[in-house]
Amino acid sequence: MSDITLQKLDGRHALSTLFTHRVKIVGTDNVPKWIEIRNWLWENYGPGLERETIWVTQYHDQVVPKWSWHIDDRKYFLYLKEETLTHFSLKYLNT
C-alpha cells in the first residue's frame, strides 16, 4: 500500500537500539488503518508501549515490548522488532 511505508532504523532514529524498523502512515484519512494495524499488533504480539513512555520511564533498561507506537503531527508510527517484521510485511505490505 502506498499509504504505508516501512523504514529500517539506524542510529539517527529514536529507539533504533530497541527496534529494527518503523512503519509510517501519513494523514488523518489513514487513522483507521493505523488503528487497525495497532490493534493487530496488540492481538498478535501483546501490549506495546507509546514511544515516550519508553523514554520517560527508562523502560528500555527493562524488557521492551515487541512493538511501540508514536504520533507526530498527523504522522503515525509503529516501531517493530525484527521478530514481528515478517508477519507484518506479509499481512500489510504483500511482500
Protein backbone atom coordinates (compact mmCIF):
# COMPACT_ATOMS: atom_id res chain seq x y z
CA MET A 1 0.00 0.00 0.00
CA SER A 2 1.31 3.42 -0.85
CA ASP A 3 -0.02 4.94 2.39
CA ILE A 4 2.21 2.64 4.46
CA THR A 5 5.98 2.93 4.32
CA LEU A 6 8.50 0.73 6.08
CA GLN A 7 11.84 2.15 7.12
CA LYS A 8 14.88 0.37 8.55
CA LEU A 9 16.09 2.22 11.64
CA ASP A 10 19.68 3.27 12.25
CA GLY A 11 21.45 5.48 14.78
CA ARG A 12 19.66 8.59 13.54
CA HIS A 13 16.28 7.28 14.67
CA ALA A 14 14.67 7.19 18.06
CA LEU A 15 14.64 3.72 19.58
CA SER A 16 16.98 2.26 16.95
CA THR A 17 18.72 0.28 19.68
CA LEU A 18 15.41 -1.34 20.65
CA PHE A 19 13.57 -1.77 17.34
CA THR A 20 14.79 -2.55 13.83
CA HIS A 21 12.07 -0.94 11.70
CA ARG A 22 9.29 1.59 11.82
CA VAL A 23 6.08 1.84 9.85
CA LYS A 24 4.96 5.33 8.85
CA ILE A 25 1.37 6.16 7.99
CA VAL A 26 0.68 9.78 7.00
CA GLY A 27 -2.56 11.78 7.12
CA THR A 28 -5.67 11.81 9.23
CA ASP A 29 -7.54 9.91 6.50
CA ASN A 30 -5.34 6.92 7.33
CA VAL A 31 -6.03 6.87 11.09
CA PRO A 32 -8.42 3.89 10.77
CA LYS A 33 -5.64 1.88 9.05
CA TRP A 34 -3.17 2.86 11.81
CA ILE A 35 -5.66 1.79 14.49
CA GLU A 36 -6.29 -1.48 12.64
CA ILE A 37 -2.57 -2.27 12.50
CA ARG A 38 -2.00 -1.22 16.12
CA ASN A 39 -4.86 -3.47 17.25
CA TRP A 40 -3.50 -6.33 15.14
CA LEU A 41 -0.04 -5.92 16.74
CA TRP A 42 -1.60 -5.88 20.21
CA GLU A 43 -3.60 -9.05 19.50
CA ASN A 44 -0.65 -10.93 17.95
CA TYR A 45 2.32 -9.67 19.97
CA GLY A 46 0.83 -8.44 23.22
CA PRO A 47 0.74 -4.92 24.63
CA GLY A 48 3.03 -2.28 23.19
CA LEU A 49 4.14 0.98 24.76
CA GLU A 50 3.98 4.53 23.47
CA ARG A 51 7.45 5.71 22.45
CA GLU A 52 7.63 8.50 25.04
CA THR A 53 6.72 6.05 27.80
CA ILE A 54 9.83 4.07 26.95
CA TRP A 55 11.96 7.24 27.06
CA VAL A 56 10.47 8.86 30.17
CA THR A 57 10.36 5.76 32.35
CA GLN A 58 13.71 4.45 31.22
CA TYR A 59 11.73 1.32 30.34
CA HIS A 60 14.44 0.46 27.84
CA ASP A 61 16.55 -0.81 30.75
CA GLN A 62 13.93 -3.49 31.31
CA VAL A 63 12.14 -5.88 28.99
CA VAL A 64 10.98 -3.97 25.91
CA PRO A 65 7.74 -4.92 24.14
CA LYS A 66 7.91 -6.29 20.61
CA TRP A 67 6.39 -3.10 19.21
CA SER A 68 5.69 0.53 20.06
CA TRP A 69 3.79 3.49 18.62
CA HIS A 70 4.15 7.24 18.25
CA ILE A 71 2.06 10.09 16.80
CA ASP A 72 3.70 13.26 15.48
CA ASP A 73 1.65 15.93 13.70
CA ARG A 74 -0.55 13.73 11.51
CA LYS A 75 2.21 11.16 11.09
CA TYR A 76 1.56 7.82 12.74
CA PHE A 77 4.44 5.49 13.52
CA LEU A 78 4.70 1.89 14.65
CA TYR A 79 8.09 0.59 15.78
CA LEU A 80 8.77 -3.11 15.20
CA LYS A 81 11.34 -5.61 16.35
CA GLU A 82 12.78 -7.96 13.74
CA GLU A 83 10.64 -10.85 15.01
CA THR A 84 7.41 -9.01 14.12
CA LEU A 85 8.57 -7.77 10.73
CA THR A 86 7.90 -10.83 8.54
CA HIS A 87 4.38 -11.39 9.82
CA PHE A 88 3.59 -7.67 9.49
CA SER A 89 5.03 -7.48 5.95
CA LEU A 90 3.04 -10.47 4.76
CA LYS A 91 -0.20 -9.07 6.13
CA TYR A 92 0.13 -5.38 5.27
CA LEU A 93 2.78 -4.94 2.60
CA ASN A 94 2.26 -8.06 0.47
CA THR A 95 5.99 -8.79 0.39
